[in-house]
mmCIF file of all heavy atoms, coordinates in Angstrom:
data_MODEL
# 
_entry.id   MODEL 
# 
loop_
_atom_site.group_PDB 
_atom_site.id 
_atom_site.type_symbol 
_atom_site.label_atom_id 
_atom_site.label_alt_id 
_atom_site.label_comp_id 
_atom_site.label_asym_id 
_atom_site.label_entity_id 
_atom_site.label_seq_id 
_atom_site.pdbx_PDB_ins_code 
_atom_site.Cartn_x 
_atom_site.Cartn_y 
_atom_site.Cartn_z 
_atom_site.occupancy 
_atom_site.B_iso_or_equiv 
_atom_site.pdbx_formal_charge 
_atom_site.auth_seq_id 
_atom_site.auth_comp_id 
_atom_site.auth_asym_id 
_atom_site.auth_atom_id 
_atom_site.pdbx_PDB_model_num 
ATOM 1   N N   . LYS A 1 1  ? -83.208 -37.664 -117.919 1.00 0.00 ? 1  LYS A N   1 
ATOM 2   C CA  . LYS A 1 1  ? -81.893 -38.062 -117.402 1.00 0.00 ? 1  LYS A CA  1 
ATOM 3   C C   . LYS A 1 1  ? -81.301 -36.837 -116.690 1.00 0.00 ? 1  LYS A C   1 
ATOM 4   O O   . LYS A 1 1  ? -81.332 -35.733 -117.328 1.00 0.00 ? 1  LYS A O   1 
ATOM 5   C CB  . LYS A 1 1  ? -80.945 -38.631 -118.365 1.00 0.00 ? 1  LYS A CB  1 
ATOM 6   C CG  . LYS A 1 1  ? -79.626 -39.263 -117.796 1.00 0.00 ? 1  LYS A CG  1 
ATOM 7   C CD  . LYS A 1 1  ? -78.795 -40.035 -118.755 1.00 0.00 ? 1  LYS A CD  1 
ATOM 8   C CE  . LYS A 1 1  ? -77.571 -40.553 -118.063 1.00 0.00 ? 1  LYS A CE  1 
ATOM 9   N NZ  . LYS A 1 1  ? -76.710 -41.217 -119.091 1.00 0.00 ? 1  LYS A NZ  1 
ATOM 10  N N   . THR A 1 2  ? -80.748 -36.910 -115.539 1.00 0.00 ? 2  THR A N   1 
ATOM 11  C CA  . THR A 1 2  ? -80.181 -35.834 -114.835 1.00 0.00 ? 2  THR A CA  1 
ATOM 12  C C   . THR A 1 2  ? -78.594 -35.831 -115.097 1.00 0.00 ? 2  THR A C   1 
ATOM 13  O O   . THR A 1 2  ? -77.945 -36.853 -115.031 1.00 0.00 ? 2  THR A O   1 
ATOM 14  C CB  . THR A 1 2  ? -80.455 -35.990 -113.284 1.00 0.00 ? 2  THR A CB  1 
ATOM 15  O OG1 . THR A 1 2  ? -81.849 -35.904 -113.201 1.00 0.00 ? 2  THR A OG1 1 
ATOM 16  C CG2 . THR A 1 2  ? -79.882 -34.778 -112.531 1.00 0.00 ? 2  THR A CG2 1 
ATOM 17  N N   . TYR A 1 3  ? -78.129 -34.568 -115.195 1.00 0.00 ? 3  TYR A N   1 
ATOM 18  C CA  . TYR A 1 3  ? -76.647 -34.365 -115.351 1.00 0.00 ? 3  TYR A CA  1 
ATOM 19  C C   . TYR A 1 3  ? -76.113 -33.228 -114.330 1.00 0.00 ? 3  TYR A C   1 
ATOM 20  O O   . TYR A 1 3  ? -76.813 -32.346 -114.133 1.00 0.00 ? 3  TYR A O   1 
ATOM 21  C CB  . TYR A 1 3  ? -76.344 -33.893 -116.771 1.00 0.00 ? 3  TYR A CB  1 
ATOM 22  C CG  . TYR A 1 3  ? -76.846 -34.923 -117.769 1.00 0.00 ? 3  TYR A CG  1 
ATOM 23  C CD1 . TYR A 1 3  ? -78.075 -34.808 -118.385 1.00 0.00 ? 3  TYR A CD1 1 
ATOM 24  C CD2 . TYR A 1 3  ? -76.008 -35.870 -118.267 1.00 0.00 ? 3  TYR A CD2 1 
ATOM 25  C CE1 . TYR A 1 3  ? -78.501 -35.758 -119.340 1.00 0.00 ? 3  TYR A CE1 1 
ATOM 26  C CE2 . TYR A 1 3  ? -76.399 -36.833 -119.247 1.00 0.00 ? 3  TYR A CE2 1 
ATOM 27  C CZ  . TYR A 1 3  ? -77.683 -36.707 -119.789 1.00 0.00 ? 3  TYR A CZ  1 
ATOM 28  O OH  . TYR A 1 3  ? -78.080 -37.574 -120.706 1.00 0.00 ? 3  TYR A OH  1 
ATOM 29  N N   . GLY A 1 4  ? -74.908 -33.386 -113.937 1.00 0.00 ? 4  GLY A N   1 
ATOM 30  C CA  . GLY A 1 4  ? -74.370 -32.421 -113.069 1.00 0.00 ? 4  GLY A CA  1 
ATOM 31  C C   . GLY A 1 4  ? -73.317 -31.517 -113.748 1.00 0.00 ? 4  GLY A C   1 
ATOM 32  O O   . GLY A 1 4  ? -73.360 -31.543 -115.002 1.00 0.00 ? 4  GLY A O   1 
ATOM 33  N N   . ASP A 1 5  ? -72.534 -30.820 -112.979 1.00 0.00 ? 5  ASP A N   1 
ATOM 34  C CA  . ASP A 1 5  ? -71.515 -29.920 -113.591 1.00 0.00 ? 5  ASP A CA  1 
ATOM 35  C C   . ASP A 1 5  ? -70.497 -30.614 -114.443 1.00 0.00 ? 5  ASP A C   1 
ATOM 36  O O   . ASP A 1 5  ? -70.328 -31.899 -114.375 1.00 0.00 ? 5  ASP A O   1 
ATOM 37  C CB  . ASP A 1 5  ? -70.900 -28.993 -112.628 1.00 0.00 ? 5  ASP A CB  1 
ATOM 38  C CG  . ASP A 1 5  ? -70.051 -29.794 -111.596 1.00 0.00 ? 5  ASP A CG  1 
ATOM 39  O OD1 . ASP A 1 5  ? -70.072 -31.084 -111.627 1.00 0.00 ? 5  ASP A OD1 1 
ATOM 40  O OD2 . ASP A 1 5  ? -69.418 -29.129 -110.725 1.00 0.00 ? 5  ASP A OD2 1 
ATOM 41  N N   . LYS A 1 6  ? -69.911 -29.895 -115.402 1.00 0.00 ? 6  LYS A N   1 
ATOM 42  C CA  . LYS A 1 6  ? -68.896 -30.375 -116.349 1.00 0.00 ? 6  LYS A CA  1 
ATOM 43  C C   . LYS A 1 6  ? -69.623 -31.350 -117.282 1.00 0.00 ? 6  LYS A C   1 
ATOM 44  O O   . LYS A 1 6  ? -69.078 -32.395 -117.645 1.00 0.00 ? 6  LYS A O   1 
ATOM 45  C CB  . LYS A 1 6  ? -67.735 -30.922 -115.662 1.00 0.00 ? 6  LYS A CB  1 
ATOM 46  C CG  . LYS A 1 6  ? -66.988 -29.964 -114.799 1.00 0.00 ? 6  LYS A CG  1 
ATOM 47  C CD  . LYS A 1 6  ? -65.628 -30.567 -114.271 1.00 0.00 ? 6  LYS A CD  1 
ATOM 48  C CE  . LYS A 1 6  ? -64.936 -29.576 -113.338 1.00 0.00 ? 6  LYS A CE  1 
ATOM 49  N NZ  . LYS A 1 6  ? -65.617 -29.427 -112.085 1.00 0.00 ? 6  LYS A NZ  1 
ATOM 50  N N   . THR A 1 7  ? -70.797 -30.938 -117.759 1.00 0.00 ? 7  THR A N   1 
ATOM 51  C CA  . THR A 1 7  ? -71.509 -31.646 -118.797 1.00 0.00 ? 7  THR A CA  1 
ATOM 52  C C   . THR A 1 7  ? -71.490 -30.878 -120.098 1.00 0.00 ? 7  THR A C   1 
ATOM 53  O O   . THR A 1 7  ? -71.545 -29.671 -120.035 1.00 0.00 ? 7  THR A O   1 
ATOM 54  C CB  . THR A 1 7  ? -72.998 -31.876 -118.373 1.00 0.00 ? 7  THR A CB  1 
ATOM 55  O OG1 . THR A 1 7  ? -72.989 -32.828 -117.285 1.00 0.00 ? 7  THR A OG1 1 
ATOM 56  C CG2 . THR A 1 7  ? -73.803 -32.450 -119.542 1.00 0.00 ? 7  THR A CG2 1 
ATOM 57  N N   . ALA A 1 8  ? -71.231 -31.570 -121.148 1.00 0.00 ? 8  ALA A N   1 
ATOM 58  C CA  . ALA A 1 8  ? -71.151 -30.926 -122.526 1.00 0.00 ? 8  ALA A CA  1 
ATOM 59  C C   . ALA A 1 8  ? -72.278 -31.454 -123.459 1.00 0.00 ? 8  ALA A C   1 
ATOM 60  O O   . ALA A 1 8  ? -72.622 -32.688 -123.359 1.00 0.00 ? 8  ALA A O   1 
ATOM 61  C CB  . ALA A 1 8  ? -69.810 -31.194 -123.140 1.00 0.00 ? 8  ALA A CB  1 
ATOM 62  N N   . ILE A 1 9  ? -72.838 -30.583 -124.226 1.00 0.00 ? 9  ILE A N   1 
ATOM 63  C CA  . ILE A 1 9  ? -73.905 -30.951 -125.151 1.00 0.00 ? 9  ILE A CA  1 
ATOM 64  C C   . ILE A 1 9  ? -73.526 -30.350 -126.559 1.00 0.00 ? 9  ILE A C   1 
ATOM 65  O O   . ILE A 1 9  ? -73.138 -29.273 -126.764 1.00 0.00 ? 9  ILE A O   1 
ATOM 66  C CB  . ILE A 1 9  ? -75.216 -30.253 -124.688 1.00 0.00 ? 9  ILE A CB  1 
ATOM 67  C CG1 . ILE A 1 9  ? -75.575 -30.705 -123.246 1.00 0.00 ? 9  ILE A CG1 1 
ATOM 68  C CG2 . ILE A 1 9  ? -76.364 -30.567 -125.648 1.00 0.00 ? 9  ILE A CG2 1 
ATOM 69  C CD1 . ILE A 1 9  ? -76.804 -29.935 -122.668 1.00 0.00 ? 9  ILE A CD1 1 
ATOM 70  N N   . GLU A 1 10 ? -73.764 -31.331 -127.500 1.00 0.00 ? 10 GLU A N   1 
ATOM 71  C CA  . GLU A 1 10 ? -73.531 -30.949 -128.909 1.00 0.00 ? 10 GLU A CA  1 
ATOM 72  C C   . GLU A 1 10 ? -74.926 -30.862 -129.566 1.00 0.00 ? 10 GLU A C   1 
ATOM 73  O O   . GLU A 1 10 ? -75.708 -31.753 -129.475 1.00 0.00 ? 10 GLU A O   1 
ATOM 74  C CB  . GLU A 1 10 ? -72.695 -31.997 -129.646 1.00 0.00 ? 10 GLU A CB  1 
ATOM 75  C CG  . GLU A 1 10 ? -72.492 -31.651 -131.101 1.00 0.00 ? 10 GLU A CG  1 
ATOM 76  C CD  . GLU A 1 10 ? -72.009 -32.869 -131.972 1.00 0.00 ? 10 GLU A CD  1 
ATOM 77  O OE1 . GLU A 1 10 ? -72.794 -33.850 -132.042 1.00 0.00 ? 10 GLU A OE1 1 
ATOM 78  O OE2 . GLU A 1 10 ? -70.854 -32.828 -132.326 1.00 0.00 ? 10 GLU A OE2 1 
ATOM 79  N N   . LEU A 1 11 ? -75.028 -29.726 -130.289 1.00 0.00 ? 11 LEU A N   1 
ATOM 80  C CA  . LEU A 1 11 ? -76.422 -29.536 -131.095 1.00 0.00 ? 11 LEU A CA  1 
ATOM 81  C C   . LEU A 1 11 ? -76.078 -29.330 -132.503 1.00 0.00 ? 11 LEU A C   1 
ATOM 82  O O   . LEU A 1 11 ? -75.409 -28.225 -132.853 1.00 0.00 ? 11 LEU A O   1 
ATOM 83  C CB  . LEU A 1 11 ? -77.126 -28.371 -130.442 1.00 0.00 ? 11 LEU A CB  1 
ATOM 84  C CG  . LEU A 1 11 ? -77.659 -28.611 -129.010 1.00 0.00 ? 11 LEU A CG  1 
ATOM 85  C CD1 . LEU A 1 11 ? -78.000 -27.184 -128.469 1.00 0.00 ? 11 LEU A CD1 1 
ATOM 86  C CD2 . LEU A 1 11 ? -78.764 -29.578 -128.906 1.00 0.00 ? 11 LEU A CD2 1 
ATOM 87  N N   . LEU A 1 12 ? -76.377 -30.220 -133.399 1.00 0.00 ? 12 LEU A N   1 
ATOM 88  C CA  . LEU A 1 12 ? -76.160 -30.096 -134.767 1.00 0.00 ? 12 LEU A CA  1 
ATOM 89  C C   . LEU A 1 12 ? -77.373 -29.347 -135.491 1.00 0.00 ? 12 LEU A C   1 
ATOM 90  O O   . LEU A 1 12 ? -78.505 -29.407 -134.963 1.00 0.00 ? 12 LEU A O   1 
ATOM 91  C CB  . LEU A 1 12 ? -76.032 -31.452 -135.470 1.00 0.00 ? 12 LEU A CB  1 
ATOM 92  C CG  . LEU A 1 12 ? -74.862 -32.269 -134.893 1.00 0.00 ? 12 LEU A CG  1 
ATOM 93  C CD1 . LEU A 1 12 ? -74.991 -33.699 -135.525 1.00 0.00 ? 12 LEU A CD1 1 
ATOM 94  C CD2 . LEU A 1 12 ? -73.567 -31.668 -135.114 1.00 0.00 ? 12 LEU A CD2 1 
ATOM 95  N N   . PRO A 1 13 ? -77.133 -28.774 -136.605 1.00 0.00 ? 13 PRO A N   1 
ATOM 96  C CA  . PRO A 1 13 ? -78.283 -28.090 -137.387 1.00 0.00 ? 13 PRO A CA  1 
ATOM 97  C C   . PRO A 1 13 ? -79.425 -29.083 -137.659 1.00 0.00 ? 13 PRO A C   1 
ATOM 98  O O   . PRO A 1 13 ? -80.538 -28.675 -137.641 1.00 0.00 ? 13 PRO A O   1 
ATOM 99  C CB  . PRO A 1 13 ? -77.578 -27.671 -138.694 1.00 0.00 ? 13 PRO A CB  1 
ATOM 100 C CG  . PRO A 1 13 ? -76.171 -27.459 -138.320 1.00 0.00 ? 13 PRO A CG  1 
ATOM 101 C CD  . PRO A 1 13 ? -75.844 -28.508 -137.307 1.00 0.00 ? 13 PRO A CD  1 
ATOM 102 N N   . SER A 1 14 ? -79.126 -30.405 -137.693 1.00 0.00 ? 14 SER A N   1 
ATOM 103 C CA  . SER A 1 14 ? -80.188 -31.379 -137.948 1.00 0.00 ? 14 SER A CA  1 
ATOM 104 C C   . SER A 1 14 ? -80.947 -31.753 -136.680 1.00 0.00 ? 14 SER A C   1 
ATOM 105 O O   . SER A 1 14 ? -81.978 -32.475 -136.751 1.00 0.00 ? 14 SER A O   1 
ATOM 106 C CB  . SER A 1 14 ? -79.566 -32.625 -138.563 1.00 0.00 ? 14 SER A CB  1 
ATOM 107 O OG  . SER A 1 14 ? -78.500 -33.167 -137.798 1.00 0.00 ? 14 SER A OG  1 
ATOM 108 N N   . ASP A 1 15 ? -80.530 -31.364 -135.556 1.00 0.00 ? 15 ASP A N   1 
ATOM 109 C CA  . ASP A 1 15 ? -81.156 -31.606 -134.271 1.00 0.00 ? 15 ASP A CA  1 
ATOM 110 C C   . ASP A 1 15 ? -82.349 -30.781 -134.060 1.00 0.00 ? 15 ASP A C   1 
ATOM 111 O O   . ASP A 1 15 ? -82.225 -29.556 -134.233 1.00 0.00 ? 15 ASP A O   1 
ATOM 112 C CB  . ASP A 1 15 ? -80.143 -31.557 -133.051 1.00 0.00 ? 15 ASP A CB  1 
ATOM 113 C CG  . ASP A 1 15 ? -79.070 -32.607 -133.048 1.00 0.00 ? 15 ASP A CG  1 
ATOM 114 O OD1 . ASP A 1 15 ? -79.430 -33.776 -133.479 1.00 0.00 ? 15 ASP A OD1 1 
ATOM 115 O OD2 . ASP A 1 15 ? -78.012 -32.330 -132.669 1.00 0.00 ? 15 ASP A OD2 1 
ATOM 116 N N   . GLY A 1 16 ? -83.403 -31.387 -133.533 1.00 0.00 ? 16 GLY A N   1 
ATOM 117 C CA  . GLY A 1 16 ? -84.604 -30.599 -133.199 1.00 0.00 ? 16 GLY A CA  1 
ATOM 118 C C   . GLY A 1 16 ? -84.507 -29.921 -131.926 1.00 0.00 ? 16 GLY A C   1 
ATOM 119 O O   . GLY A 1 16 ? -83.554 -30.188 -131.161 1.00 0.00 ? 16 GLY A O   1 
ATOM 120 N N   . PRO A 1 17 ? -85.459 -29.126 -131.512 1.00 0.00 ? 17 PRO A N   1 
ATOM 121 C CA  . PRO A 1 17 ? -85.460 -28.352 -130.232 1.00 0.00 ? 17 PRO A CA  1 
ATOM 122 C C   . PRO A 1 17 ? -85.560 -29.396 -129.045 1.00 0.00 ? 17 PRO A C   1 
ATOM 123 O O   . PRO A 1 17 ? -86.276 -30.452 -129.130 1.00 0.00 ? 17 PRO A O   1 
ATOM 124 C CB  . PRO A 1 17 ? -86.699 -27.553 -130.278 1.00 0.00 ? 17 PRO A CB  1 
ATOM 125 C CG  . PRO A 1 17 ? -87.045 -27.395 -131.755 1.00 0.00 ? 17 PRO A CG  1 
ATOM 126 C CD  . PRO A 1 17 ? -86.612 -28.706 -132.423 1.00 0.00 ? 17 PRO A CD  1 
ATOM 127 N N   . VAL A 1 18 ? -84.792 -28.955 -128.019 1.00 0.00 ? 18 VAL A N   1 
ATOM 128 C CA  . VAL A 1 18 ? -84.629 -29.863 -126.867 1.00 0.00 ? 18 VAL A CA  1 
ATOM 129 C C   . VAL A 1 18 ? -84.979 -28.986 -125.561 1.00 0.00 ? 18 VAL A C   1 
ATOM 130 O O   . VAL A 1 18 ? -84.376 -27.873 -125.487 1.00 0.00 ? 18 VAL A O   1 
ATOM 131 C CB  . VAL A 1 18 ? -83.364 -30.548 -126.769 1.00 0.00 ? 18 VAL A CB  1 
ATOM 132 C CG1 . VAL A 1 18 ? -83.273 -31.346 -125.434 1.00 0.00 ? 18 VAL A CG1 1 
ATOM 133 C CG2 . VAL A 1 18 ? -83.178 -31.420 -127.902 1.00 0.00 ? 18 VAL A CG2 1 
ATOM 134 N N   . ASP A 1 19 ? -85.715 -29.452 -124.694 1.00 0.00 ? 19 ASP A N   1 
ATOM 135 C CA  . ASP A 1 19 ? -85.979 -28.793 -123.387 1.00 0.00 ? 19 ASP A CA  1 
ATOM 136 C C   . ASP A 1 19 ? -84.907 -29.234 -122.358 1.00 0.00 ? 19 ASP A C   1 
ATOM 137 O O   . ASP A 1 19 ? -84.656 -30.434 -122.146 1.00 0.00 ? 19 ASP A O   1 
ATOM 138 C CB  . ASP A 1 19 ? -87.280 -29.041 -122.843 1.00 0.00 ? 19 ASP A CB  1 
ATOM 139 C CG  . ASP A 1 19 ? -88.446 -28.324 -123.488 1.00 0.00 ? 19 ASP A CG  1 
ATOM 140 O OD1 . ASP A 1 19 ? -88.180 -27.243 -124.022 1.00 0.00 ? 19 ASP A OD1 1 
ATOM 141 O OD2 . ASP A 1 19 ? -89.590 -28.823 -123.435 1.00 0.00 ? 19 ASP A OD2 1 
ATOM 142 N N   . ILE A 1 20 ? -84.247 -28.255 -121.740 1.00 0.00 ? 20 ILE A N   1 
ATOM 143 C CA  . ILE A 1 20 ? -83.236 -28.428 -120.731 1.00 0.00 ? 20 ILE A CA  1 
ATOM 144 C C   . ILE A 1 20 ? -83.817 -27.750 -119.471 1.00 0.00 ? 20 ILE A C   1 
ATOM 145 O O   . ILE A 1 20 ? -83.884 -26.590 -119.370 1.00 0.00 ? 20 ILE A O   1 
ATOM 146 C CB  . ILE A 1 20 ? -81.873 -27.793 -121.087 1.00 0.00 ? 20 ILE A CB  1 
ATOM 147 C CG1 . ILE A 1 20 ? -81.299 -28.484 -122.373 1.00 0.00 ? 20 ILE A CG1 1 
ATOM 148 C CG2 . ILE A 1 20 ? -80.851 -28.021 -119.931 1.00 0.00 ? 20 ILE A CG2 1 
ATOM 149 C CD1 . ILE A 1 20 ? -80.040 -27.862 -122.806 1.00 0.00 ? 20 ILE A CD1 1 
ATOM 150 N N   . LYS A 1 21 ? -84.189 -28.599 -118.457 1.00 0.00 ? 21 LYS A N   1 
ATOM 151 C CA  . LYS A 1 21 ? -84.769 -28.169 -117.187 1.00 0.00 ? 21 LYS A CA  1 
ATOM 152 C C   . LYS A 1 21 ? -83.622 -27.970 -116.169 1.00 0.00 ? 21 LYS A C   1 
ATOM 153 O O   . LYS A 1 21 ? -82.896 -28.978 -115.957 1.00 0.00 ? 21 LYS A O   1 
ATOM 154 C CB  . LYS A 1 21 ? -85.891 -28.996 -116.731 1.00 0.00 ? 21 LYS A CB  1 
ATOM 155 C CG  . LYS A 1 21 ? -86.434 -28.468 -115.408 1.00 0.00 ? 21 LYS A CG  1 
ATOM 156 C CD  . LYS A 1 21 ? -87.537 -29.407 -114.914 1.00 0.00 ? 21 LYS A CD  1 
ATOM 157 C CE  . LYS A 1 21 ? -88.129 -28.895 -113.603 1.00 0.00 ? 21 LYS A CE  1 
ATOM 158 N NZ  . LYS A 1 21 ? -89.095 -29.689 -113.015 1.00 0.00 ? 21 LYS A NZ  1 
ATOM 159 N N   . ALA A 1 22 ? -83.481 -26.882 -115.565 1.00 0.00 ? 22 ALA A N   1 
ATOM 160 C CA  . ALA A 1 22 ? -82.516 -26.628 -114.523 1.00 0.00 ? 22 ALA A CA  1 
ATOM 161 C C   . ALA A 1 22 ? -83.112 -26.990 -113.198 1.00 0.00 ? 22 ALA A C   1 
ATOM 162 O O   . ALA A 1 22 ? -84.139 -26.373 -112.740 1.00 0.00 ? 22 ALA A O   1 
ATOM 163 C CB  . ALA A 1 22 ? -82.074 -25.173 -114.488 1.00 0.00 ? 22 ALA A CB  1 
ATOM 164 N N   . ASN A 1 23 ? -82.488 -27.941 -112.465 1.00 0.00 ? 23 ASN A N   1 
ATOM 165 C CA  . ASN A 1 23 ? -82.893 -28.322 -111.129 1.00 0.00 ? 23 ASN A CA  1 
ATOM 166 C C   . ASN A 1 23 ? -82.351 -27.373 -110.082 1.00 0.00 ? 23 ASN A C   1 
ATOM 167 O O   . ASN A 1 23 ? -82.856 -27.281 -109.007 1.00 0.00 ? 23 ASN A O   1 
ATOM 168 C CB  . ASN A 1 23 ? -82.496 -29.775 -110.856 1.00 0.00 ? 23 ASN A CB  1 
ATOM 169 C CG  . ASN A 1 23 ? -83.040 -30.737 -111.928 1.00 0.00 ? 23 ASN A CG  1 
ATOM 170 O OD1 . ASN A 1 23 ? -84.244 -30.737 -112.230 1.00 0.00 ? 23 ASN A OD1 1 
ATOM 171 N ND2 . ASN A 1 23 ? -82.200 -31.595 -112.469 1.00 0.00 ? 23 ASN A ND2 1 
ATOM 172 N N   . GLU A 1 24 ? -81.241 -26.714 -110.433 1.00 0.00 ? 24 GLU A N   1 
ATOM 173 C CA  . GLU A 1 24 ? -80.674 -25.612 -109.661 1.00 0.00 ? 24 GLU A CA  1 
ATOM 174 C C   . GLU A 1 24 ? -80.112 -24.631 -110.670 1.00 0.00 ? 24 GLU A C   1 
ATOM 175 O O   . GLU A 1 24 ? -80.074 -24.918 -111.857 1.00 0.00 ? 24 GLU A O   1 
ATOM 176 C CB  . GLU A 1 24 ? -79.606 -26.096 -108.733 1.00 0.00 ? 24 GLU A CB  1 
ATOM 177 C CG  . GLU A 1 24 ? -78.487 -26.800 -109.464 1.00 0.00 ? 24 GLU A CG  1 
ATOM 178 C CD  . GLU A 1 24 ? -77.456 -27.442 -108.443 1.00 0.00 ? 24 GLU A CD  1 
ATOM 179 O OE1 . GLU A 1 24 ? -77.932 -28.341 -107.689 1.00 0.00 ? 24 GLU A OE1 1 
ATOM 180 O OE2 . GLU A 1 24 ? -76.274 -27.135 -108.568 1.00 0.00 ? 24 GLU A OE2 1 
ATOM 181 N N   . GLU A 1 25 ? -79.749 -23.500 -110.267 1.00 0.00 ? 25 GLU A N   1 
ATOM 182 C CA  . GLU A 1 25 ? -79.198 -22.483 -111.193 1.00 0.00 ? 25 GLU A CA  1 
ATOM 183 C C   . GLU A 1 25 ? -77.956 -23.115 -111.998 1.00 0.00 ? 25 GLU A C   1 
ATOM 184 O O   . GLU A 1 25 ? -77.117 -23.677 -111.389 1.00 0.00 ? 25 GLU A O   1 
ATOM 185 C CB  . GLU A 1 25 ? -78.699 -21.261 -110.490 1.00 0.00 ? 25 GLU A CB  1 
ATOM 186 C CG  . GLU A 1 25 ? -78.204 -20.126 -111.518 1.00 0.00 ? 25 GLU A CG  1 
ATOM 187 C CD  . GLU A 1 25 ? -77.740 -18.909 -110.809 1.00 0.00 ? 25 GLU A CD  1 
ATOM 188 O OE1 . GLU A 1 25 ? -78.583 -18.043 -110.513 1.00 0.00 ? 25 GLU A OE1 1 
ATOM 189 O OE2 . GLU A 1 25 ? -76.493 -18.850 -110.442 1.00 0.00 ? 25 GLU A OE2 1 
ATOM 190 N N   . SER A 1 26 ? -78.068 -23.045 -113.324 1.00 0.00 ? 26 SER A N   1 
ATOM 191 C CA  . SER A 1 26 ? -77.142 -23.734 -114.107 1.00 0.00 ? 26 SER A CA  1 
ATOM 192 C C   . SER A 1 26 ? -76.504 -22.721 -115.131 1.00 0.00 ? 26 SER A C   1 
ATOM 193 O O   . SER A 1 26 ? -77.221 -21.862 -115.719 1.00 0.00 ? 26 SER A O   1 
ATOM 194 C CB  . SER A 1 26 ? -77.735 -24.787 -114.988 1.00 0.00 ? 26 SER A CB  1 
ATOM 195 O OG  . SER A 1 26 ? -78.348 -25.799 -114.036 1.00 0.00 ? 26 SER A OG  1 
ATOM 196 N N   . LEU A 1 27 ? -75.238 -22.788 -115.301 1.00 0.00 ? 27 LEU A N   1 
ATOM 197 C CA  . LEU A 1 27 ? -74.435 -21.901 -116.159 1.00 0.00 ? 27 LEU A CA  1 
ATOM 198 C C   . LEU A 1 27 ? -73.781 -22.637 -117.328 1.00 0.00 ? 27 LEU A C   1 
ATOM 199 O O   . LEU A 1 27 ? -73.031 -23.557 -117.082 1.00 0.00 ? 27 LEU A O   1 
ATOM 200 C CB  . LEU A 1 27 ? -73.330 -21.206 -115.340 1.00 0.00 ? 27 LEU A CB  1 
ATOM 201 C CG  . LEU A 1 27 ? -72.492 -20.172 -116.073 1.00 0.00 ? 27 LEU A CG  1 
ATOM 202 C CD1 . LEU A 1 27 ? -73.335 -18.950 -116.521 1.00 0.00 ? 27 LEU A CD1 1 
ATOM 203 C CD2 . LEU A 1 27 ? -71.316 -19.664 -115.221 1.00 0.00 ? 27 LEU A CD2 1 
# 
């Protein structure tokens, strides 16, 4: 799934590793 700017992600200690691919430079 693709997301644009002003996107927030929560990662809990129980969450496994996730790949985040940048389609353009992302900060």
